[in-house]
Amino acid sequence: MPIDKRPPLEIITLGDYVRDTISGFCGVVTAETRYLNGSIKYCVEAQELDNGKLIQEYWFDHHRLRVQSQKHKGGVGYASTQEPQ
């Protein structure tokens, strides 16, 4: 049986601000998909606009992402549970 030499998976949760190690794309994790073969992919949405328009979201394999900050509040897809004051 081959030995998996990849580093252990970093814990990523919805709302984390992440960076793709290959493309450098950064954004907030808004969805997670788990496949039968064990693969885990995350949908990452950018917080910036491109000429006033939303940037397309992208799906990345778990091994490509690194958490930059946890549980980001604000930005795309965030809904506050606190009452307005």
N, C-alpha and C. Protein backbone atom coordinates (compact mmCIF):
# COMPACT_ATOMS: atom_id res chain seq x y z
N MET A 1 0.85 -1.17 0.00
CA MET A 1 0.00 0.00 0.00
C MET A 1 0.91 1.24 0.00
N PRO A 2 0.67 2.21 -0.93
CA PRO A 2 1.50 3.42 -0.97
C PRO A 2 1.28 4.29 0.26
N ILE A 3 2.34 4.97 0.67
CA ILE A 3 2.27 5.86 1.82
C ILE A 3 1.91 7.26 1.33
N ASP A 4 0.93 7.89 1.97
CA ASP A 4 0.52 9.25 1.62
C ASP A 4 1.50 10.22 2.28
N LYS A 5 2.29 10.93 1.45
CA LYS A 5 3.31 11.84 1.97
C LYS A 5 2.82 13.28 2.08
N ARG A 6 1.53 13.50 1.78
CA ARG A 6 0.99 14.85 1.91
C ARG A 6 0.88 15.23 3.38
N PRO A 7 1.02 16.53 3.68
CA PRO A 7 0.86 16.96 5.08
C PRO A 7 -0.58 16.74 5.53
N PRO A 8 -0.81 16.62 6.84
CA PRO A 8 -2.19 16.44 7.32
C PRO A 8 -3.06 17.63 6.92
N LEU A 9 -4.33 17.36 6.74
CA LEU A 9 -5.25 18.41 6.31
C LEU A 9 -5.44 19.47 7.39
N GLU A 10 -5.36 20.73 6.96
CA GLU A 10 -5.63 21.85 7.85
C GLU A 10 -7.15 21.94 8.02
N ILE A 11 -7.61 22.29 9.21
CA ILE A 11 -9.05 22.41 9.43
C ILE A 11 -9.54 23.71 8.79
N ILE A 12 -10.49 23.57 7.87
CA ILE A 12 -11.09 24.72 7.19
C ILE A 12 -12.58 24.68 7.48
N THR A 13 -13.15 25.82 7.88
CA THR A 13 -14.58 25.89 8.16
C THR A 13 -15.21 27.00 7.33
N LEU A 14 -16.51 26.90 7.16
CA LEU A 14 -17.23 27.94 6.43
C LEU A 14 -17.00 29.29 7.11
N GLY A 15 -16.72 30.30 6.31
CA GLY A 15 -16.46 31.62 6.84
C GLY A 15 -14.98 31.94 6.98
N ASP A 16 -14.11 30.94 6.87
CA ASP A 16 -12.66 31.19 6.95
C ASP A 16 -12.20 31.96 5.72
N TYR A 17 -11.22 32.84 5.90
CA TYR A 17 -10.58 33.55 4.80
C TYR A 17 -9.35 32.73 4.42
N VAL A 18 -9.29 32.26 3.16
CA VAL A 18 -8.24 31.34 2.72
C VAL A 18 -7.51 31.87 1.49
N ARG A 19 -6.33 31.25 1.24
CA ARG A 19 -5.54 31.57 0.04
C ARG A 19 -5.19 30.26 -0.65
N ASP A 20 -5.35 30.24 -1.99
CA ASP A 20 -4.96 29.09 -2.79
C ASP A 20 -3.45 29.16 -3.00
N THR A 21 -2.73 28.09 -2.65
CA THR A 21 -1.28 28.09 -2.71
C THR A 21 -0.73 28.08 -4.13
N ILE A 22 -1.55 27.73 -5.12
CA ILE A 22 -1.07 27.68 -6.51
C ILE A 22 -1.34 28.98 -7.24
N SER A 23 -2.58 29.46 -7.20
CA SER A 23 -2.94 30.67 -7.96
C SER A 23 -2.80 31.95 -7.15
N GLY A 24 -2.83 31.84 -5.81
CA GLY A 24 -2.80 33.02 -4.96
C GLY A 24 -4.17 33.63 -4.73
N PHE A 25 -5.22 33.05 -5.32
CA PHE A 25 -6.58 33.55 -5.17
C PHE A 25 -6.98 33.50 -3.70
N CYS A 26 -7.54 34.61 -3.18
CA CYS A 26 -7.96 34.69 -1.78
C CYS A 26 -9.45 34.99 -1.70
N GLY A 27 -10.08 34.51 -0.64
CA GLY A 27 -11.48 34.79 -0.43
C GLY A 27 -12.04 34.05 0.76
N VAL A 28 -13.35 34.13 0.91
CA VAL A 28 -14.05 33.52 2.03
C VAL A 28 -14.67 32.19 1.58
N VAL A 29 -14.53 31.15 2.40
CA VAL A 29 -15.12 29.84 2.11
C VAL A 29 -16.61 29.93 2.35
N THR A 30 -17.41 29.65 1.29
CA THR A 30 -18.86 29.75 1.40
C THR A 30 -19.58 28.41 1.23
N ALA A 31 -18.85 27.36 0.80
CA ALA A 31 -19.48 26.04 0.64
C ALA A 31 -18.41 24.96 0.70
N GLU A 32 -18.84 23.76 1.09
CA GLU A 32 -17.94 22.61 1.19
C GLU A 32 -18.62 21.41 0.54
N THR A 33 -17.86 20.62 -0.22
CA THR A 33 -18.39 19.41 -0.84
C THR A 33 -17.46 18.25 -0.53
N ARG A 34 -18.06 17.13 -0.09
CA ARG A 34 -17.29 15.91 0.21
C ARG A 34 -17.73 14.82 -0.77
N TYR A 35 -16.76 14.15 -1.36
CA TYR A 35 -17.03 13.11 -2.34
C TYR A 35 -16.79 11.72 -1.75
N LEU A 36 -17.37 10.71 -2.36
CA LEU A 36 -17.23 9.33 -1.89
C LEU A 36 -15.79 8.86 -1.86
N ASN A 37 -14.94 9.41 -2.76
CA ASN A 37 -13.54 8.98 -2.82
C ASN A 37 -12.68 9.67 -1.76
N GLY A 38 -13.29 10.50 -0.89
CA GLY A 38 -12.57 11.17 0.18
C GLY A 38 -12.12 12.57 -0.15
N SER A 39 -12.29 12.99 -1.38
CA SER A 39 -11.89 14.34 -1.79
C SER A 39 -12.81 15.38 -1.15
N ILE A 40 -12.22 16.49 -0.71
CA ILE A 40 -12.99 17.60 -0.13
C ILE A 40 -12.66 18.85 -0.92
N LYS A 41 -13.68 19.55 -1.39
CA LYS A 41 -13.48 20.78 -2.15
C LYS A 41 -14.26 21.91 -1.48
N TYR A 42 -13.70 23.12 -1.61
CA TYR A 42 -14.32 24.30 -1.01
C TYR A 42 -14.57 25.36 -2.06
N CYS A 43 -15.71 26.02 -1.95
CA CYS A 43 -16.04 27.17 -2.80
C CYS A 43 -15.48 28.41 -2.11
N VAL A 44 -14.68 29.19 -2.86
CA VAL A 44 -14.07 30.39 -2.32
C VAL A 44 -14.56 31.59 -3.13
N GLU A 45 -15.11 32.58 -2.43
CA GLU A 45 -15.61 33.80 -3.07
C GLU A 45 -14.75 34.98 -2.68
N ALA A 46 -14.30 35.74 -3.67
CA ALA A 46 -13.47 36.92 -3.43
C ALA A 46 -14.30 38.00 -2.76
N GLN A 47 -13.64 38.88 -2.03
CA GLN A 47 -14.33 40.00 -1.39
C GLN A 47 -14.25 41.27 -2.24
N GLU A 48 -13.34 41.29 -3.19
CA GLU A 48 -13.18 42.47 -4.01
C GLU A 48 -14.14 42.45 -5.20
N LEU A 49 -14.34 43.60 -5.80
CA LEU A 49 -15.13 43.72 -7.02
C LEU A 49 -14.18 43.99 -8.18
N ASP A 50 -14.60 43.60 -9.38
CA ASP A 50 -13.85 43.87 -10.59
C ASP A 50 -14.69 44.81 -11.45
N ASN A 51 -14.32 46.09 -11.47
CA ASN A 51 -15.10 47.11 -12.19
C ASN A 51 -16.55 47.14 -11.73
N GLY A 52 -16.76 47.02 -10.41
CA GLY A 52 -18.09 47.09 -9.84
C GLY A 52 -18.89 45.81 -9.93
N LYS A 53 -18.28 44.72 -10.43
CA LYS A 53 -18.99 43.44 -10.56
C LYS A 53 -18.34 42.39 -9.67
N LEU A 54 -19.15 41.44 -9.20
CA LEU A 54 -18.63 40.35 -8.40
C LEU A 54 -17.67 39.50 -9.22
N ILE A 55 -16.61 39.03 -8.55
CA ILE A 55 -15.67 38.11 -9.18
C ILE A 55 -16.24 36.70 -9.03
N GLN A 56 -16.09 35.88 -10.07
CA GLN A 56 -16.60 34.51 -10.05
C GLN A 56 -16.02 33.74 -8.87
N GLU A 57 -16.83 32.88 -8.26
CA GLU A 57 -16.33 32.01 -7.20
C GLU A 57 -15.62 30.83 -7.84
N TYR A 58 -14.71 30.21 -7.10
CA TYR A 58 -13.94 29.08 -7.60
C TYR A 58 -13.93 27.97 -6.57
N TRP A 59 -13.86 26.72 -7.04
CA TRP A 59 -13.78 25.55 -6.18
C TRP A 59 -12.35 25.05 -6.15
N PHE A 60 -11.83 24.76 -4.94
CA PHE A 60 -10.46 24.31 -4.78
C PHE A 60 -10.41 23.04 -3.93
N ASP A 61 -9.44 22.16 -4.26
CA ASP A 61 -9.19 20.98 -3.45
C ASP A 61 -8.62 21.42 -2.10
N HIS A 62 -8.98 20.69 -1.07
CA HIS A 62 -8.57 21.01 0.29
C HIS A 62 -7.06 21.24 0.42
N HIS A 63 -6.25 20.40 -0.24
CA HIS A 63 -4.80 20.48 -0.10
C HIS A 63 -4.21 21.77 -0.66
N ARG A 64 -4.95 22.47 -1.51
CA ARG A 64 -4.44 23.71 -2.11
C ARG A 64 -4.65 24.94 -1.23
N LEU A 65 -5.50 24.84 -0.22
CA LEU A 65 -5.89 26.02 0.56
C LEU A 65 -5.16 26.12 1.89
N ARG A 66 -4.86 27.36 2.27
CA ARG A 66 -4.28 27.67 3.58
C ARG A 66 -5.14 28.75 4.23
N VAL A 67 -5.49 28.56 5.50
CA VAL A 67 -6.31 29.52 6.22
C VAL A 67 -5.46 30.75 6.54
N GLN A 68 -5.98 31.93 6.18
CA GLN A 68 -5.32 33.19 6.49
C GLN A 68 -5.89 33.80 7.77
N SER A 69 -7.20 33.68 7.95
CA SER A 69 -7.86 34.08 9.19
C SER A 69 -9.13 33.27 9.31
N GLN A 70 -9.55 33.01 10.54
CA GLN A 70 -10.70 32.15 10.77
C GLN A 70 -11.98 32.94 10.96
N LYS A 71 -13.08 32.31 10.55
CA LYS A 71 -14.43 32.83 10.73
C LYS A 71 -14.54 34.31 10.41
N HIS A 72 -14.30 34.61 9.16
CA HIS A 72 -14.36 35.99 8.69
C HIS A 72 -15.81 36.48 8.76
N LYS A 73 -16.02 37.67 9.28
CA LYS A 73 -17.36 38.24 9.35
C LYS A 73 -17.45 39.37 8.35
N GLY A 74 -18.54 39.41 7.63
CA GLY A 74 -18.72 40.41 6.58
C GLY A 74 -18.33 39.80 5.24
N GLY A 75 -18.54 40.54 4.19
CA GLY A 75 -18.20 40.03 2.86
C GLY A 75 -19.31 39.19 2.29
N VAL A 76 -19.00 38.45 1.29
CA VAL A 76 -19.97 37.68 0.53
C VAL A 76 -20.60 36.59 1.38
N GLY A 77 -21.92 36.55 1.40
CA GLY A 77 -22.66 35.46 2.02
C GLY A 77 -22.72 35.45 3.52
N TYR A 78 -22.32 36.51 4.19
CA TYR A 78 -22.36 36.52 5.66
C TYR A 78 -23.66 37.12 6.15
N ALA A 79 -24.32 36.42 7.04
CA ALA A 79 -25.57 36.93 7.63
C ALA A 79 -25.38 37.02 9.13
N SER A 80 -25.52 38.18 9.67
CA SER A 80 -25.35 38.39 11.10
C SER A 80 -26.54 37.83 11.86
N THR A 81 -26.27 37.22 13.03
CA THR A 81 -27.36 36.70 13.86
C THR A 81 -27.70 37.68 14.98
N GLN A 82 -27.01 38.82 15.02
CA GLN A 82 -27.26 39.78 16.07
C GLN A 82 -28.34 40.77 15.64
N GLU A 83 -29.09 41.23 16.62
CA GLU A 83 -30.12 42.23 16.37
C GLU A 83 -29.48 43.58 16.08
N PRO A 84 -30.02 44.34 15.13
CA PRO A 84 -29.47 45.69 14.90
C PRO A 84 -29.72 46.56 16.11
N GLN A 85 -28.78 47.49 16.35
CA GLN A 85 -28.90 48.34 17.54
C GLN A 85 -29.30 49.75 17.17
